[in-house]
Amino acid sequence: MAYAGQILDALGDPTRRLVFKRLRSGARSVGEIAEGMDVSRPAVSQHLRVLKAARLVTDRAEGTRRLYAVDPRGIKALRSWLDGFWGEALSAFKEAAEREAAEEMKTMKTKKRRNHEDSADDVRQYRREQRSKGRERSGATGSGLARVH
């Protein structure tokens, strides 16, 4: 967005933000905007000029006075620019989540493989013990021949 910087600069001034905020409820004249503010009408007019240059405010003649209103195109442009950050943040989050999930899957597979190997070792150990007990019961010797009584 070419003029997003201009929009942000325009809204960077606290007085300008207040002027802009007063337009949220609808179109107003300079006098209505300046009412109750600590700045003069000419100062408010200058702030409105900056907001208008940033395409945040439009004006129209109504009789002998000018009415100022929020320009939705400027808001749309600013929102679009800000949404770009949100899109980038979501993409970065998605990539991080996918990396984390891949690591978790890798860890689970390793644990599963180890558990399987441990189970297989347990089965082999159990079979050895059973064979050994069977030999003891049958009286088998280490030579593989059964004793006769």
N, C-alpha and C. Protein backbone atom coordinates (compact mmCIF):
# COMPACT_ATOMS: atom_id res chain seq x y z
N MET A 1 0.85 -1.15 0.00
CA MET A 1 0.00 0.00 0.00
C MET A 1 0.90 1.23 0.00
N ALA A 2 0.83 2.00 -1.05
CA ALA A 2 1.74 3.13 -1.26
C ALA A 2 1.54 4.22 -0.22
N TYR A 3 0.31 4.49 0.16
CA TYR A 3 0.11 5.62 1.06
C TYR A 3 -0.24 5.21 2.49
N ALA A 4 0.02 3.97 2.86
CA ALA A 4 -0.22 3.53 4.24
C ALA A 4 0.64 4.32 5.20
N GLY A 5 1.86 4.61 4.79
CA GLY A 5 2.74 5.41 5.62
C GLY A 5 2.18 6.80 5.85
N GLN A 6 1.59 7.37 4.82
CA GLN A 6 0.98 8.70 4.92
C GLN A 6 -0.22 8.65 5.89
N ILE A 7 -0.98 7.59 5.82
CA ILE A 7 -2.12 7.43 6.72
C ILE A 7 -1.64 7.33 8.17
N LEU A 8 -0.62 6.49 8.37
CA LEU A 8 -0.10 6.31 9.73
C LEU A 8 0.51 7.61 10.25
N ASP A 9 1.22 8.32 9.39
CA ASP A 9 1.78 9.61 9.80
C ASP A 9 0.67 10.58 10.19
N ALA A 10 -0.39 10.60 9.40
CA ALA A 10 -1.51 11.51 9.69
C ALA A 10 -2.15 11.19 11.04
N LEU A 11 -2.26 9.92 11.36
CA LEU A 11 -2.88 9.51 12.61
C LEU A 11 -1.89 9.50 13.78
N GLY A 12 -0.63 9.80 13.48
CA GLY A 12 0.39 9.80 14.52
C GLY A 12 0.28 10.97 15.48
N ASP A 13 -0.39 12.01 15.08
CA ASP A 13 -0.56 13.20 15.93
C ASP A 13 -1.80 13.03 16.79
N PRO A 14 -1.69 13.20 18.11
CA PRO A 14 -2.84 13.00 19.00
C PRO A 14 -4.02 13.94 18.70
N THR A 15 -3.72 15.19 18.35
CA THR A 15 -4.80 16.13 18.03
C THR A 15 -5.52 15.69 16.77
N ARG A 16 -4.75 15.22 15.79
CA ARG A 16 -5.36 14.77 14.53
C ARG A 16 -6.22 13.54 14.78
N ARG A 17 -5.75 12.64 15.65
CA ARG A 17 -6.55 11.46 15.98
C ARG A 17 -7.87 11.87 16.62
N LEU A 18 -7.83 12.87 17.48
CA LEU A 18 -9.05 13.36 18.12
C LEU A 18 -10.00 13.97 17.08
N VAL A 19 -9.44 14.75 16.17
CA VAL A 19 -10.26 15.33 15.09
C VAL A 19 -10.91 14.20 14.29
N PHE A 20 -10.11 13.21 13.93
CA PHE A 20 -10.61 12.07 13.15
C PHE A 20 -11.68 11.31 13.94
N LYS A 21 -11.45 11.12 15.22
CA LYS A 21 -12.39 10.39 16.06
C LYS A 21 -13.74 11.11 16.13
N ARG A 22 -13.71 12.44 16.14
CA ARG A 22 -14.96 13.21 16.21
C ARG A 22 -15.78 13.04 14.94
N LEU A 23 -15.17 12.59 13.87
CA LEU A 23 -15.90 12.39 12.61
C LEU A 23 -16.54 11.01 12.52
N ARG A 24 -16.24 10.15 13.46
CA ARG A 24 -16.80 8.79 13.43
C ARG A 24 -18.32 8.79 13.50
N SER A 25 -18.88 9.77 14.20
CA SER A 25 -20.34 9.79 14.36
C SER A 25 -21.06 10.43 13.18
N GLY A 26 -20.30 10.96 12.22
CA GLY A 26 -20.93 11.56 11.05
C GLY A 26 -20.26 12.86 10.64
N ALA A 27 -20.74 13.42 9.55
CA ALA A 27 -20.16 14.65 8.99
C ALA A 27 -20.34 15.82 9.95
N ARG A 28 -19.28 16.65 10.01
CA ARG A 28 -19.30 17.82 10.89
C ARG A 28 -18.57 18.98 10.24
N SER A 29 -18.90 20.17 10.68
CA SER A 29 -18.19 21.36 10.22
C SER A 29 -16.95 21.56 11.09
N VAL A 30 -16.06 22.44 10.64
CA VAL A 30 -14.84 22.73 11.41
C VAL A 30 -15.21 23.23 12.80
N GLY A 31 -16.20 24.12 12.87
CA GLY A 31 -16.63 24.65 14.17
C GLY A 31 -17.12 23.56 15.11
N GLU A 32 -17.89 22.61 14.58
CA GLU A 32 -18.39 21.51 15.42
C GLU A 32 -17.24 20.62 15.89
N ILE A 33 -16.29 20.39 15.02
CA ILE A 33 -15.13 19.55 15.38
C ILE A 33 -14.30 20.26 16.45
N ALA A 34 -14.08 21.55 16.28
CA ALA A 34 -13.21 22.33 17.18
C ALA A 34 -13.85 22.58 18.54
N GLU A 35 -15.16 22.48 18.61
CA GLU A 35 -15.87 22.77 19.85
C GLU A 35 -15.35 21.92 21.01
N GLY A 36 -14.90 22.59 22.06
CA GLY A 36 -14.41 21.89 23.25
C GLY A 36 -12.97 21.42 23.16
N MET A 37 -12.31 21.69 22.05
CA MET A 37 -10.91 21.29 21.91
C MET A 37 -10.01 22.43 22.34
N ASP A 38 -8.78 22.11 22.67
CA ASP A 38 -7.80 23.11 23.09
C ASP A 38 -7.06 23.73 21.91
N VAL A 39 -7.58 23.58 20.71
CA VAL A 39 -6.94 24.17 19.52
C VAL A 39 -7.96 25.05 18.80
N SER A 40 -7.44 25.98 18.03
CA SER A 40 -8.30 26.92 17.31
C SER A 40 -8.93 26.27 16.08
N ARG A 41 -9.93 26.94 15.52
CA ARG A 41 -10.55 26.47 14.28
C ARG A 41 -9.54 26.40 13.14
N PRO A 42 -8.67 27.41 12.97
CA PRO A 42 -7.67 27.31 11.90
C PRO A 42 -6.74 26.09 12.09
N ALA A 43 -6.42 25.78 13.34
CA ALA A 43 -5.57 24.60 13.59
C ALA A 43 -6.31 23.32 13.21
N VAL A 44 -7.60 23.26 13.55
CA VAL A 44 -8.42 22.09 13.19
C VAL A 44 -8.48 21.98 11.67
N SER A 45 -8.63 23.11 10.98
CA SER A 45 -8.65 23.10 9.51
C SER A 45 -7.36 22.54 8.94
N GLN A 46 -6.23 22.89 9.54
CA GLN A 46 -4.94 22.36 9.06
C GLN A 46 -4.87 20.85 9.31
N HIS A 47 -5.33 20.40 10.46
CA HIS A 47 -5.34 18.96 10.74
C HIS A 47 -6.25 18.23 9.75
N LEU A 48 -7.37 18.83 9.42
CA LEU A 48 -8.28 18.22 8.44
C LEU A 48 -7.63 18.15 7.07
N ARG A 49 -6.83 19.17 6.70
CA ARG A 49 -6.12 19.14 5.42
C ARG A 49 -5.16 17.95 5.35
N VAL A 50 -4.45 17.71 6.46
CA VAL A 50 -3.53 16.56 6.51
C VAL A 50 -4.30 15.25 6.39
N LEU A 51 -5.40 15.15 7.12
CA LEU A 51 -6.23 13.94 7.06
C LEU A 51 -6.82 13.73 5.66
N LYS A 52 -7.18 14.83 5.02
CA LYS A 52 -7.72 14.75 3.67
C LYS A 52 -6.63 14.31 2.68
N ALA A 53 -5.41 14.83 2.83
CA ALA A 53 -4.30 14.44 1.96
C ALA A 53 -3.98 12.95 2.13
N ALA A 54 -4.20 12.43 3.33
CA ALA A 54 -3.97 11.00 3.59
C ALA A 54 -5.18 10.15 3.17
N ARG A 55 -6.19 10.80 2.62
CA ARG A 55 -7.42 10.14 2.16
C ARG A 55 -8.21 9.49 3.29
N LEU A 56 -8.13 10.10 4.46
CA LEU A 56 -8.91 9.61 5.59
C LEU A 56 -10.19 10.42 5.78
N VAL A 57 -10.24 11.60 5.16
CA VAL A 57 -11.37 12.51 5.32
C VAL A 57 -11.78 13.05 3.96
N THR A 58 -13.08 13.21 3.77
CA THR A 58 -13.60 13.89 2.57
C THR A 58 -14.32 15.16 3.05
N ASP A 59 -14.53 16.07 2.13
CA ASP A 59 -15.30 17.26 2.48
C ASP A 59 -16.26 17.58 1.35
N ARG A 60 -17.32 18.27 1.73
CA ARG A 60 -18.30 18.70 0.74
C ARG A 60 -18.88 20.03 1.21
N ALA A 61 -19.23 20.82 0.23
CA ALA A 61 -19.82 22.13 0.54
C ALA A 61 -21.30 21.95 0.82
N GLU A 62 -21.74 22.63 1.87
CA GLU A 62 -23.16 22.64 2.20
C GLU A 62 -23.51 24.09 2.57
N GLY A 63 -24.02 24.79 1.61
CA GLY A 63 -24.29 26.22 1.81
C GLY A 63 -22.97 26.96 1.89
N THR A 64 -22.78 27.69 2.96
CA THR A 64 -21.55 28.49 3.12
C THR A 64 -20.49 27.76 3.94
N ARG A 65 -20.75 26.59 4.38
CA ARG A 65 -19.75 25.86 5.18
C ARG A 65 -19.37 24.54 4.53
N ARG A 66 -18.27 24.00 5.00
CA ARG A 66 -17.79 22.70 4.50
C ARG A 66 -18.03 21.67 5.59
N LEU A 67 -18.51 20.52 5.18
CA LEU A 67 -18.70 19.41 6.11
C LEU A 67 -17.64 18.35 5.82
N TYR A 68 -17.06 17.85 6.89
CA TYR A 68 -16.00 16.83 6.78
C TYR A 68 -16.54 15.51 7.30
N ALA A 69 -16.12 14.43 6.66
CA ALA A 69 -16.57 13.09 7.04
C ALA A 69 -15.43 12.11 6.82
N VAL A 70 -15.52 10.97 7.48
CA VAL A 70 -14.53 9.91 7.30
C VAL A 70 -14.64 9.38 5.88
N ASP A 71 -13.49 9.18 5.24
CA ASP A 71 -13.45 8.61 3.89
C ASP A 71 -13.25 7.09 4.04
N PRO A 72 -14.26 6.30 3.75
CA PRO A 72 -14.14 4.85 3.93
C PRO A 72 -13.04 4.22 3.09
N ARG A 73 -12.68 4.86 1.98
CA ARG A 73 -11.60 4.30 1.14
C ARG A 73 -10.27 4.32 1.88
N GLY A 74 -10.01 5.36 2.65
CA GLY A 74 -8.77 5.43 3.44
C GLY A 74 -8.74 4.38 4.53
N ILE A 75 -9.89 4.19 5.17
CA ILE A 75 -10.00 3.16 6.21
C ILE A 75 -9.78 1.79 5.60
N LYS A 76 -10.37 1.56 4.43
CA LYS A 76 -10.22 0.28 3.74
C LYS A 76 -8.76 0.04 3.38
N ALA A 77 -8.09 1.06 2.89
CA ALA A 77 -6.67 0.93 2.53
C ALA A 77 -5.82 0.61 3.75
N LEU A 78 -6.09 1.30 4.86
CA LEU A 78 -5.34 1.05 6.09
C LEU A 78 -5.60 -0.36 6.60
N ARG A 79 -6.85 -0.75 6.57
CA ARG A 79 -7.20 -2.10 7.03
C ARG A 79 -6.54 -3.17 6.17
N SER A 80 -6.54 -2.95 4.88
CA SER A 80 -5.90 -3.90 3.97
C SER A 80 -4.41 -4.02 4.28
N TRP A 81 -3.79 -2.89 4.54
CA TRP A 81 -2.36 -2.89 4.87
C TRP A 81 -2.12 -3.64 6.18
N LEU A 82 -2.95 -3.39 7.18
CA LEU A 82 -2.82 -4.07 8.46
C LEU A 82 -3.13 -5.56 8.34
N ASP A 83 -4.10 -5.91 7.50
CA ASP A 83 -4.42 -7.33 7.28
C ASP A 83 -3.24 -8.09 6.71
N GLY A 84 -2.39 -7.38 5.95
CA GLY A 84 -1.19 -8.03 5.42
C GLY A 84 -0.30 -8.54 6.55
N PHE A 85 -0.22 -7.78 7.63
CA PHE A 85 0.56 -8.23 8.79
C PHE A 85 -0.09 -9.44 9.42
N TRP A 86 -1.41 -9.41 9.51
CA TRP A 86 -2.13 -10.53 10.10
C TRP A 86 -1.91 -11.79 9.27
N GLY A 87 -1.98 -11.65 7.94
CA GLY A 87 -1.75 -12.79 7.06
C GLY A 87 -0.35 -13.36 7.24
N GLU A 88 0.64 -12.47 7.35
CA GLU A 88 2.02 -12.92 7.57
C GLU A 88 2.15 -13.62 8.91
N ALA A 89 1.50 -13.08 9.93
CA ALA A 89 1.56 -13.69 11.26
C ALA A 89 0.91 -15.07 11.25
N LEU A 90 -0.23 -15.18 10.57
CA LEU A 90 -0.90 -16.49 10.50
C LEU A 90 -0.07 -17.51 9.73
N SER A 91 0.57 -17.05 8.67
CA SER A 91 1.43 -17.96 7.89
C SER A 91 2.60 -18.44 8.74
N ALA A 92 3.21 -17.52 9.47
CA ALA A 92 4.33 -17.89 10.34
C ALA A 92 3.87 -18.86 11.43
N PHE A 93 2.68 -18.61 11.99
CA PHE A 93 2.15 -19.51 13.01
C PHE A 93 1.88 -20.89 12.43
N LYS A 94 1.31 -20.93 11.22
CA LYS A 94 1.01 -22.21 10.57
C LYS A 94 2.30 -23.01 10.35
N GLU A 95 3.33 -22.34 9.86
CA GLU A 95 4.61 -23.02 9.63
C GLU A 95 5.19 -23.54 10.93
N ALA A 96 5.13 -22.74 11.99
CA ALA A 96 5.65 -23.17 13.29
C ALA A 96 4.86 -24.36 13.82
N ALA A 97 3.55 -24.32 13.68
CA ALA A 97 2.70 -25.42 14.14
C ALA A 97 2.98 -26.70 13.36
N GLU A 98 3.17 -26.56 12.05
CA GLU A 98 3.47 -27.74 11.23
C GLU A 98 4.84 -28.33 11.59
N ARG A 99 5.82 -27.47 11.85
CA ARG A 99 7.14 -27.97 12.28
C ARG A 99 7.02 -28.71 13.61
N GLU A 100 6.29 -28.12 14.53
CA GLU A 100 6.10 -28.72 15.85
C GLU A 100 5.39 -30.07 15.72
N ALA A 101 4.37 -30.13 14.88
CA ALA A 101 3.63 -31.38 14.67
C ALA A 101 4.54 -32.45 14.06
N ALA A 102 5.37 -32.05 13.11
CA ALA A 102 6.30 -33.00 12.48
C ALA A 102 7.29 -33.54 13.51
N GLU A 103 7.79 -32.66 14.38
CA GLU A 103 8.72 -33.09 15.44
C GLU A 103 8.01 -34.04 16.41
N GLU A 104 6.77 -33.71 16.74
CA GLU A 104 6.00 -34.55 17.64
C GLU A 104 5.76 -35.94 17.03
N MET A 105 5.44 -35.97 15.74
CA MET A 105 5.24 -37.25 15.06
C MET A 105 6.53 -38.07 15.05
N LYS A 106 7.63 -37.40 14.80
CA LYS A 106 8.93 -38.06 14.79
C LYS A 106 9.24 -38.65 16.16
N THR A 107 8.97 -37.87 17.21
CA THR A 107 9.20 -38.33 18.57
C THR A 107 8.29 -39.51 18.90
N MET A 108 7.03 -39.42 18.48
CA MET A 108 6.09 -40.52 18.75
C MET A 108 6.52 -41.79 18.04
N LYS A 109 6.97 -41.66 16.80
CA LYS A 109 7.42 -42.84 16.05
C LYS A 109 8.63 -43.47 16.73
N THR A 110 9.55 -42.62 17.19
CA THR A 110 10.75 -43.12 17.87
C THR A 110 10.35 -43.84 19.15
N LYS A 111 9.43 -43.24 19.94
CA LYS A 111 8.97 -43.88 21.17
C LYS A 111 8.26 -45.19 20.86
N LYS A 112 7.44 -45.17 19.81
CA LYS A 112 6.69 -46.38 19.44
C LYS A 112 7.67 -47.48 19.04
N ARG A 113 8.69 -47.10 18.26
CA ARG A 113 9.68 -48.08 17.82
C ARG A 113 10.42 -48.64 19.04
N ARG A 114 10.79 -47.76 19.97
CA ARG A 114 11.48 -48.21 21.19
C ARG A 114 10.58 -49.11 22.01
N ASN A 115 9.31 -48.74 22.15
CA ASN A 115 8.36 -49.57 22.89
C ASN A 115 8.21 -50.93 22.23
N HIS A 116 8.14 -50.92 20.89
CA HIS A 116 8.03 -52.18 20.16
C HIS A 116 9.27 -53.03 20.38
N GLU A 117 10.44 -52.38 20.30
CA GLU A 117 11.70 -53.11 20.53
C GLU A 117 11.75 -53.63 21.95
N ASP A 118 11.33 -52.80 22.92
CA ASP A 118 11.31 -53.24 24.32
C ASP A 118 10.35 -54.40 24.49
N SER A 119 9.18 -54.35 23.86
CA SER A 119 8.21 -55.44 23.95
C SER A 119 8.78 -56.71 23.34
N ALA A 120 9.44 -56.56 22.20
CA ALA A 120 10.05 -57.73 21.56
C ALA A 120 11.13 -58.31 22.47
N ASP A 121 11.92 -57.44 23.09
CA ASP A 121 12.95 -57.91 24.04
C ASP A 121 12.30 -58.62 25.22
N ASP A 122 11.18 -58.08 25.70
CA ASP A 122 10.47 -58.71 26.82
C ASP A 122 9.96 -60.09 26.42
N VAL A 123 9.43 -60.20 25.22
CA VAL A 123 8.93 -61.49 24.74
C VAL A 123 10.08 -62.49 24.64
N ARG A 124 11.20 -62.05 24.07
CA ARG A 124 12.36 -62.96 23.95
C ARG A 124 12.85 -63.40 25.33
N GLN A 125 12.91 -62.45 26.26
CA GLN A 125 13.35 -62.77 27.62
C GLN A 125 12.38 -63.76 28.27
N TYR A 126 11.09 -63.51 28.08
CA TYR A 126 10.08 -64.40 28.65
C TYR A 126 10.24 -65.80 28.07
N ARG A 127 10.43 -65.92 26.77
CA ARG A 127 10.59 -67.23 26.12
C ARG A 127 11.84 -67.95 26.63
N ARG A 128 12.95 -67.18 26.80
CA ARG A 128 14.18 -67.79 27.34
C ARG A 128 13.93 -68.34 28.74
N GLU A 129 13.22 -67.52 29.55
CA GLU A 129 12.93 -67.98 30.92
C GLU A 129 12.06 -69.22 30.90
N GLN A 130 11.08 -69.26 30.02
CA GLN A 130 10.18 -70.41 29.94
C GLN A 130 10.94 -71.66 29.49
N ARG A 131 11.83 -71.49 28.51
CA ARG A 131 12.64 -72.63 28.05
C ARG A 131 13.53 -73.12 29.17
N SER A 132 14.10 -72.18 29.90
CA SER A 132 14.98 -72.55 31.00
C SER A 132 14.21 -73.30 32.08
N LYS A 133 13.02 -72.81 32.42
CA LYS A 133 12.19 -73.49 33.42
C LYS A 133 11.78 -74.88 32.92
N GLY A 134 11.50 -74.96 31.61
CA GLY A 134 11.11 -76.24 31.02
C GLY A 134 12.25 -77.24 31.09
N ARG A 135 13.45 -76.76 30.87
CA ARG A 135 14.62 -77.64 30.95
C ARG A 135 14.83 -78.11 32.39
N GLU A 136 14.65 -77.20 33.33
CA GLU A 136 14.84 -77.57 34.73
C GLU A 136 13.83 -78.63 35.14
N ARG A 137 12.58 -78.49 34.69
CA ARG A 137 11.53 -79.44 35.03
C ARG A 137 11.79 -80.80 34.39
N SER A 138 12.26 -80.76 33.14
CA SER A 138 12.46 -82.01 32.44
C SER A 138 13.80 -82.63 32.79
N GLY A 139 14.63 -81.86 33.50
CA GLY A 139 15.91 -82.39 33.90
C GLY A 139 16.93 -82.33 32.80
N ALA A 140 16.73 -81.47 31.83
CA ALA A 140 17.69 -81.36 30.73
C ALA A 140 18.99 -80.78 31.25
N THR A 141 20.08 -81.22 30.70
CA THR A 141 21.40 -80.71 31.08
C THR A 141 21.83 -79.73 30.03
N GLY A 142 22.94 -79.13 30.30
CA GLY A 142 23.48 -78.18 29.36
C GLY A 142 23.86 -78.82 28.05
N SER A 143 24.04 -80.17 27.99
CA SER A 143 24.44 -80.83 26.76
C SER A 143 23.28 -81.08 25.82
N GLY A 144 22.09 -80.81 26.32
CA GLY A 144 20.94 -81.00 25.47
C GLY A 144 20.35 -82.39 25.56
N LEU A 145 20.96 -83.29 26.41
CA LEU A 145 20.44 -84.65 26.60
C LEU A 145 19.67 -84.75 27.90
N ALA A 146 18.60 -85.46 27.88
CA ALA A 146 17.80 -85.62 29.09
C ALA A 146 18.42 -86.69 29.97
N ARG A 147 18.36 -86.49 31.28
CA ARG A 147 18.86 -87.48 32.21
C ARG A 147 17.85 -88.61 32.37
N VAL A 148 18.36 -89.75 32.47
CA VAL A 148 17.50 -90.90 32.67
C VAL A 148 17.72 -91.40 34.10
N HIS A 149 16.69 -91.74 34.88
CA HIS A 149 16.82 -92.22 36.26
C HIS A 149 16.54 -93.65 36.36
